[in-house]
Amino acid sequence: MNSDDKKQPRSLRELETEVLEEGREWMRQRLEQKLQQETIRQGGVFPPQRSKSASPTAAQDASADGDGSN
């Protein structure tokens, strides 16, 4: 904090914005912790890793075309 910050009071809006940002970061970290705990409980990996096989979307797209030909 510099000397100018001590002389001029901060507005309610500035304080509210700062607290909201801190709250969002806390919630993000808390959600990450809970997701990690749940993933460990279920025996998986977080964040999930994509498989090297074809994506399910590509398979669905092919089946939506009927016979799979264009």
PDB file of N, CA and C in Angstrom:
ATOM      1  N   MET A   1       0.837  -1.171   0.000  1.00  0.00           N
ATOM      2  CA  MET A   1       0.000   0.000   0.000  1.00  0.00           C
ATOM      3  C   MET A   1       0.888   1.242   0.000  1.00  0.00           C
ATOM      4  N   ASN A   2       0.633   2.177  -0.888  1.00  0.00           N
ATOM      5  CA  ASN A   2       1.448   3.384  -0.906  1.00  0.00           C
ATOM      6  C   ASN A   2       0.791   4.471  -0.063  1.00  0.00           C
ATOM      7  N   SER A   3       1.450   5.611   0.082  1.00  0.00           N
ATOM      8  CA  SER A   3       0.969   6.667   0.966  1.00  0.00           C
ATOM      9  C   SER A   3      -0.349   7.265   0.487  1.00  0.00           C
ATOM     10  N   ASP A   4      -0.605   7.269  -0.829  1.00  0.00           N
ATOM     11  CA  ASP A   4      -1.863   7.797  -1.359  1.00  0.00           C
ATOM     12  C   ASP A   4      -3.049   6.960  -0.896  1.00  0.00           C
ATOM     13  N   ASP A   5      -2.867   5.655  -0.765  1.00  0.00           N
ATOM     14  CA  ASP A   5      -3.949   4.767  -0.341  1.00  0.00           C
ATOM     15  C   ASP A   5      -4.390   5.078   1.086  1.00  0.00           C
ATOM     16  N   LYS A   6      -3.484   5.523   1.926  1.00  0.00           N
ATOM     17  CA  LYS A   6      -3.819   5.823   3.309  1.00  0.00           C
ATOM     18  C   LYS A   6      -4.578   7.145   3.422  1.00  0.00           C
ATOM     19  N   LYS A   7      -4.349   8.069   2.513  1.00  0.00           N
ATOM     20  CA  LYS A   7      -4.984   9.381   2.568  1.00  0.00           C
ATOM     21  C   LYS A   7      -6.411   9.350   2.053  1.00  0.00           C
ATOM     22  N   GLN A   8      -6.665   8.589   1.014  1.00  0.00           N
ATOM     23  CA  GLN A   8      -7.990   8.571   0.398  1.00  0.00           C
ATOM     24  C   GLN A   8      -8.696   7.262   0.717  1.00  0.00           C
ATOM     25  N   PRO A   9      -9.864   7.353   1.350  1.00  0.00           N
ATOM     26  CA  PRO A   9     -10.591   6.113   1.671  1.00  0.00           C
ATOM     27  C   PRO A   9     -11.072   5.425   0.398  1.00  0.00           C
ATOM     28  N   ARG A  10     -11.148   4.112   0.459  1.00  0.00           N
ATOM     29  CA  ARG A  10     -11.607   3.332  -0.691  1.00  0.00           C
ATOM     30  C   ARG A  10     -13.127   3.345  -0.718  1.00  0.00           C
ATOM     31  N   SER A  11     -13.659   3.332  -1.913  1.00  0.00           N
ATOM     32  CA  SER A  11     -15.111   3.346  -2.052  1.00  0.00           C
ATOM     33  C   SER A  11     -15.686   1.977  -1.685  1.00  0.00           C
ATOM     34  N   LEU A  12     -16.951   1.992  -1.357  1.00  0.00           N
ATOM     35  CA  LEU A  12     -17.644   0.749  -1.052  1.00  0.00           C
ATOM     36  C   LEU A  12     -17.588  -0.191  -2.251  1.00  0.00           C
ATOM     37  N   ARG A  13     -17.705   0.360  -3.445  1.00  0.00           N
ATOM     38  CA  ARG A  13     -17.659  -0.449  -4.671  1.00  0.00           C
ATOM     39  C   ARG A  13     -16.298  -1.139  -4.824  1.00  0.00           C
ATOM     40  N   GLU A  14     -15.214  -0.422  -4.549  1.00  0.00           N
ATOM     41  CA  GLU A  14     -13.876  -1.020  -4.630  1.00  0.00           C
ATOM     42  C   GLU A  14     -13.729  -2.159  -3.624  1.00  0.00           C
ATOM     43  N   LEU A  15     -14.205  -1.921  -2.403  1.00  0.00           N
ATOM     44  CA  LEU A  15     -14.120  -2.963  -1.373  1.00  0.00           C
ATOM     45  C   LEU A  15     -14.964  -4.172  -1.755  1.00  0.00           C
ATOM     46  N   GLU A  16     -16.172  -3.910  -2.263  1.00  0.00           N
ATOM     47  CA  GLU A  16     -17.064  -4.991  -2.661  1.00  0.00           C
ATOM     48  C   GLU A  16     -16.451  -5.820  -3.786  1.00  0.00           C
ATOM     49  N   THR A  17     -15.873  -5.152  -4.779  1.00  0.00           N
ATOM     50  CA  THR A  17     -15.242  -5.850  -5.901  1.00  0.00           C
ATOM     51  C   THR A  17     -14.091  -6.726  -5.422  1.00  0.00           C
ATOM     52  N   GLU A  18     -13.266  -6.184  -4.533  1.00  0.00           N
ATOM     53  CA  GLU A  18     -12.131  -6.943  -4.010  1.00  0.00           C
ATOM     54  C   GLU A  18     -12.602  -8.187  -3.255  1.00  0.00           C
ATOM     55  N   VAL A  19     -13.611  -8.017  -2.408  1.00  0.00           N
ATOM     56  CA  VAL A  19     -14.111  -9.143  -1.615  1.00  0.00           C
ATOM     57  C   VAL A  19     -14.767 -10.188  -2.520  1.00  0.00           C
ATOM     58  N   LEU A  20     -15.509  -9.754  -3.537  1.00  0.00           N
ATOM     59  CA  LEU A  20     -16.128 -10.700  -4.464  1.00  0.00           C
ATOM     60  C   LEU A  20     -15.075 -11.505  -5.217  1.00  0.00           C
ATOM     61  N   GLU A  21     -14.002 -10.848  -5.642  1.00  0.00           N
ATOM     62  CA  GLU A  21     -12.916 -11.559  -6.336  1.00  0.00           C
ATOM     63  C   GLU A  21     -12.262 -12.581  -5.412  1.00  0.00           C
ATOM     64  N   GLU A  22     -12.031 -12.194  -4.169  1.00  0.00           N
ATOM     65  CA  GLU A  22     -11.449 -13.125  -3.195  1.00  0.00           C
ATOM     66  C   GLU A  22     -12.382 -14.308  -2.971  1.00  0.00           C
ATOM     67  N   GLY A  23     -13.678 -14.025  -2.886  1.00  0.00           N
ATOM     68  CA  GLY A  23     -14.657 -15.086  -2.682  1.00  0.00           C
ATOM     69  C   GLY A  23     -14.710 -16.058  -3.846  1.00  0.00           C
ATOM     70  N   ARG A  24     -14.662 -15.536  -5.064  1.00  0.00           N
ATOM     71  CA  ARG A  24     -14.672 -16.413  -6.248  1.00  0.00           C
ATOM     72  C   ARG A  24     -13.443 -17.302  -6.279  1.00  0.00           C
ATOM     73  N   GLU A  25     -12.284 -16.746  -5.927  1.00  0.00           N
ATOM     74  CA  GLU A  25     -11.057 -17.546  -5.919  1.00  0.00           C
ATOM     75  C   GLU A  25     -11.141 -18.619  -4.836  1.00  0.00           C
ATOM     76  N   TRP A  26     -11.658 -18.261  -3.659  1.00  0.00           N
ATOM     77  CA  TRP A  26     -11.799 -19.237  -2.586  1.00  0.00           C
ATOM     78  C   TRP A  26     -12.733 -20.364  -3.020  1.00  0.00           C
ATOM     79  N   MET A  27     -13.863 -19.989  -3.640  1.00  0.00           N
ATOM     80  CA  MET A  27     -14.823 -21.004  -4.100  1.00  0.00           C
ATOM     81  C   MET A  27     -14.211 -21.895  -5.174  1.00  0.00           C
ATOM     82  N   ARG A  28     -13.431 -21.331  -6.083  1.00  0.00           N
ATOM     83  CA  ARG A  28     -12.784 -22.116  -7.127  1.00  0.00           C
ATOM     84  C   ARG A  28     -11.834 -23.140  -6.505  1.00  0.00           C
ATOM     85  N   GLN A  29     -11.034 -22.684  -5.539  1.00  0.00           N
ATOM     86  CA  GLN A  29     -10.095 -23.589  -4.877  1.00  0.00           C
ATOM     87  C   GLN A  29     -10.833 -24.670  -4.096  1.00  0.00           C
ATOM     88  N   ARG A  30     -11.907 -24.289  -3.432  1.00  0.00           N
ATOM     89  CA  ARG A  30     -12.691 -25.256  -2.647  1.00  0.00           C
ATOM     90  C   ARG A  30     -13.325 -26.297  -3.556  1.00  0.00           C
ATOM     91  N   LEU A  31     -13.873 -25.864  -4.679  1.00  0.00           N
ATOM     92  CA  LEU A  31     -14.460 -26.795  -5.645  1.00  0.00           C
ATOM     93  C   LEU A  31     -13.390 -27.746  -6.174  1.00  0.00           C
ATOM     94  N   GLU A  32     -12.223 -27.222  -6.488  1.00  0.00           N
ATOM     95  CA  GLU A  32     -11.132 -28.074  -6.968  1.00  0.00           C
ATOM     96  C   GLU A  32     -10.771 -29.125  -5.924  1.00  0.00           C
ATOM     97  N   GLN A  33     -10.693 -28.718  -4.652  1.00  0.00           N
ATOM     98  CA  GLN A  33     -10.382 -29.672  -3.579  1.00  0.00           C
ATOM     99  C   GLN A  33     -11.445 -30.761  -3.480  1.00  0.00           C
ATOM    100  N   LYS A  34     -12.704 -30.363  -3.521  1.00  0.00           N
ATOM    101  CA  LYS A  34     -13.795 -31.343  -3.406  1.00  0.00           C
ATOM    102  C   LYS A  34     -13.811 -32.291  -4.596  1.00  0.00           C
ATOM    103  N   LEU A  35     -13.579 -31.757  -5.788  1.00  0.00           N
ATOM    104  CA  LEU A  35     -13.519 -32.615  -6.974  1.00  0.00           C
ATOM    105  C   LEU A  35     -12.357 -33.598  -6.866  1.00  0.00           C
ATOM    106  N   GLN A  36     -11.215 -33.113  -6.382  1.00  0.00           N
ATOM    107  CA  GLN A  36     -10.058 -33.995  -6.221  1.00  0.00           C
ATOM    108  C   GLN A  36     -10.364 -35.088  -5.212  1.00  0.00           C
ATOM    109  N   GLN A  37     -10.978 -34.735  -4.097  1.00  0.00           N
ATOM    110  CA  GLN A  37     -11.321 -35.732  -3.073  1.00  0.00           C
ATOM    111  C   GLN A  37     -12.285 -36.786  -3.626  1.00  0.00           C
ATOM    112  N   GLU A  38     -13.286 -36.334  -4.364  1.00  0.00           N
ATOM    113  CA  GLU A  38     -14.262 -37.261  -4.930  1.00  0.00           C
ATOM    114  C   GLU A  38     -13.611 -38.172  -5.960  1.00  0.00           C
ATOM    115  N   THR A  39     -12.728 -37.605  -6.754  1.00  0.00           N
ATOM    116  CA  THR A  39     -12.036 -38.399  -7.766  1.00  0.00           C
ATOM    117  C   THR A  39     -11.148 -39.450  -7.118  1.00  0.00           C
ATOM    118  N   ILE A  40     -10.456 -39.071  -6.073  1.00  0.00           N
ATOM    119  CA  ILE A  40      -9.614 -40.030  -5.340  1.00  0.00           C
ATOM    120  C   ILE A  40     -10.497 -41.124  -4.747  1.00  0.00           C
ATOM    121  N   ARG A  41     -11.638 -40.740  -4.184  1.00  0.00           N
ATOM    122  CA  ARG A  41     -12.557 -41.702  -3.585  1.00  0.00           C
ATOM    123  C   ARG A  41     -13.043 -42.706  -4.623  1.00  0.00           C
ATOM    124  N   GLN A  42     -13.254 -42.242  -5.851  1.00  0.00           N
ATOM    125  CA  GLN A  42     -13.734 -43.120  -6.909  1.00  0.00           C
ATOM    126  C   GLN A  42     -12.601 -43.796  -7.671  1.00  0.00           C
ATOM    127  N   GLY A  43     -11.364 -43.428  -7.374  1.00  0.00           N
ATOM    128  CA  GLY A  43     -10.222 -44.083  -7.992  1.00  0.00           C
ATOM    129  C   GLY A  43      -9.870 -43.565  -9.375  1.00  0.00           C
ATOM    130  N   GLY A  44     -10.213 -42.340  -9.686  1.00  0.00           N
ATOM    131  CA  GLY A  44      -9.929 -41.774 -10.998  1.00  0.00           C
ATOM    132  C   GLY A  44      -8.802 -40.769 -10.957  1.00  0.00           C
ATOM    133  N   VAL A  45      -8.696 -40.010 -12.020  1.00  0.00           N
ATOM    134  CA  VAL A  45      -7.661 -38.986 -12.151  1.00  0.00           C
ATOM    135  C   VAL A  45      -8.359 -37.652 -12.366  1.00  0.00           C
ATOM    136  N   PHE A  46      -7.909 -36.617 -11.668  1.00  0.00           N
ATOM    137  CA  PHE A  46      -8.441 -35.270 -11.863  1.00  0.00           C
ATOM    138  C   PHE A  46      -7.293 -34.325 -12.130  1.00  0.00           C
ATOM    139  N   PRO A  47      -7.350 -33.519 -13.130  1.00  0.00           N
ATOM    140  CA  PRO A  47      -8.429 -33.435 -14.103  1.00  0.00           C
ATOM    141  C   PRO A  47      -8.425 -34.644 -15.021  1.00  0.00           C
ATOM    142  N   PRO A  48      -9.592 -35.003 -15.564  1.00  0.00           N
ATOM    143  CA  PRO A  48      -9.669 -36.189 -16.421  1.00  0.00           C
ATOM    144  C   PRO A  48      -8.764 -36.063 -17.636  1.00  0.00           C
ATOM    145  N   GLN A  49      -8.209 -37.174 -18.030  1.00  0.00           N
ATOM    146  CA  GLN A  49      -7.348 -37.184 -19.209  1.00  0.00           C
ATOM    147  C   GLN A  49      -8.126 -37.806 -20.362  1.00  0.00           C
ATOM    148  N   ARG A  50      -7.980 -37.218 -21.533  1.00  0.00           N
ATOM    149  CA  ARG A  50      -8.690 -37.735 -22.705  1.00  0.00           C
ATOM    150  C   ARG A  50      -8.066 -39.041 -23.174  1.00  0.00           C
ATOM    151  N   SER A  51      -8.926 -39.925 -23.630  1.00  0.00           N
ATOM    152  CA  SER A  51      -8.419 -41.179 -24.174  1.00  0.00           C
ATOM    153  C   SER A  51      -7.876 -40.928 -25.566  1.00  0.00           C
ATOM    154  N   LYS A  52      -7.038 -41.821 -26.039  1.00  0.00           N
ATOM    155  CA  LYS A  52      -6.431 -41.662 -27.360  1.00  0.00           C
ATOM    156  C   LYS A  52      -7.304 -42.234 -28.469  1.00  0.00           C
ATOM    157  N   SER A  53      -8.430 -42.867 -28.093  1.00  0.00           N
ATOM    158  CA  SER A  53      -9.338 -43.426 -29.094  1.00  0.00           C
ATOM    159  C   SER A  53     -10.140 -42.294 -29.739  1.00  0.00           C
ATOM    160  N   ALA A  54     -10.920 -42.637 -30.745  1.00  0.00           N
ATOM    161  CA  ALA A  54     -11.746 -41.643 -31.427  1.00  0.00           C
ATOM    162  C   ALA A  54     -12.734 -41.034 -30.447  1.00  0.00           C
ATOM    163  N   SER A  55     -13.044 -39.781 -30.652  1.00  0.00           N
ATOM    164  CA  SER A  55     -13.959 -39.103 -29.745  1.00  0.00           C
ATOM    165  C   SER A  55     -15.376 -39.642 -29.913  1.00  0.00           C
ATOM    166  N   PRO A  56     -16.166 -39.663 -28.842  1.00  0.00           N
ATOM    167  CA  PRO A  56     -17.545 -40.144 -28.948  1.00  0.00           C
ATOM    168  C   PRO A  56     -18.375 -39.274 -29.889  1.00  0.00           C
ATOM    169  N   THR A  57     -18.033 -38.015 -30.003  1.00  0.00           N
ATOM    170  CA  THR A  57     -18.771 -37.114 -30.892  1.00  0.00           C
ATOM    171  C   THR A  57     -18.625 -37.564 -32.341  1.00  0.00           C
ATOM    172  N   ALA A  58     -17.420 -37.959 -32.723  1.00  0.00           N
ATOM    173  CA  ALA A  58     -17.197 -38.408 -34.094  1.00  0.00           C
ATOM    174  C   ALA A  58     -18.013 -39.675 -34.381  1.00  0.00           C
ATOM    175  N   ALA A  59     -18.078 -40.562 -33.414  1.00  0.00           N
ATOM    176  CA  ALA A  59     -18.857 -41.796 -33.593  1.00  0.00           C
ATOM    177  C   ALA A  59     -20.346 -41.475 -33.689  1.00  0.00           C
ATOM    178  N   GLN A  60     -20.820 -40.546 -32.904  1.00  0.00           N
ATOM    179  CA  GLN A  60     -22.228 -40.155 -32.939  1.00  0.00           C
ATOM    180  C   GLN A  60     -22.559 -39.481 -34.273  1.00  0.00           C
ATOM    181  N   ASP A  61     -21.653 -38.648 -34.746  1.00  0.00           N
ATOM    182  CA  ASP A  61     -21.865 -37.964 -36.015  1.00  0.00           C
ATOM    183  C   ASP A  61     -21.997 -38.986 -37.157  1.00  0.00           C
ATOM    184  N   ALA A  62     -21.162 -40.005 -37.141  1.00  0.00           N
ATOM    185  CA  ALA A  62     -21.190 -41.015 -38.180  1.00  0.00           C
ATOM    186  C   ALA A  62     -22.498 -41.799 -38.139  1.00  0.00           C
ATOM    187  N   SER A  63     -22.961 -42.133 -36.932  1.00  0.00           N
ATOM    188  CA  SER A  63     -24.210 -42.889 -36.826  1.00  0.00           C
ATOM    189  C   SER A  63     -25.410 -42.024 -37.173  1.00  0.00           C
ATOM    190  N   ALA A  64     -25.321 -40.710 -36.981  1.00  0.00           N
ATOM    191  CA  ALA A  64     -26.421 -39.814 -37.306  1.00  0.00           C
ATOM    192  C   ALA A  64     -26.628 -39.708 -38.820  1.00  0.00           C
ATOM    193  N   ASP A  65     -25.584 -39.970 -39.592  1.00  0.00           N
ATOM    194  CA  ASP A  65     -25.679 -39.914 -41.047  1.00  0.00           C
ATOM    195  C   ASP A  65     -26.375 -41.142 -41.621  1.00  0.00           C
ATOM    196  N   GLY A  66     -26.654 -42.111 -40.798  1.00  0.00           N
ATOM    197  CA  GLY A  66     -27.316 -43.326 -41.258  1.00  0.00           C
ATOM    198  C   GLY A  66     -26.306 -44.432 -41.503  1.00  0.00           C
ATOM    199  N   ASP A  67     -25.790 -44.523 -42.706  1.00  0.00           N
ATOM    200  CA  ASP A  67     -24.855 -45.604 -43.034  1.00  0.00           C
ATOM    201  C   ASP A  67     -23.402 -45.200 -42.796  1.00  0.00           C
ATOM    202  N   GLY A  68     -23.169 -43.954 -42.418  1.00  0.00           N
ATOM    203  CA  GLY A  68     -21.804 -43.514 -42.150  1.00  0.00           C
ATOM    204  C   GLY A  68     -21.106 -42.954 -43.372  1.00  0.00           C
ATOM    205  N   SER A  69     -21.731 -43.030 -44.545  1.00  0.00           N
ATOM    206  CA  SER A  69     -21.108 -42.447 -45.746  1.00  0.00           C
ATOM    207  C   SER A  69     -21.643 -41.032 -45.954  1.00  0.00           C
ATOM    208  N   ASN A  70     -20.879 -40.238 -46.650  1.00  0.00           N
ATOM    209  CA  ASN A  70     -21.292 -38.841 -46.887  1.00  0.00           C
ATOM    210  C   ASN A  70     -22.106 -38.743 -48.101  1.00  0.00           C
TER     211      ASN A  70
END
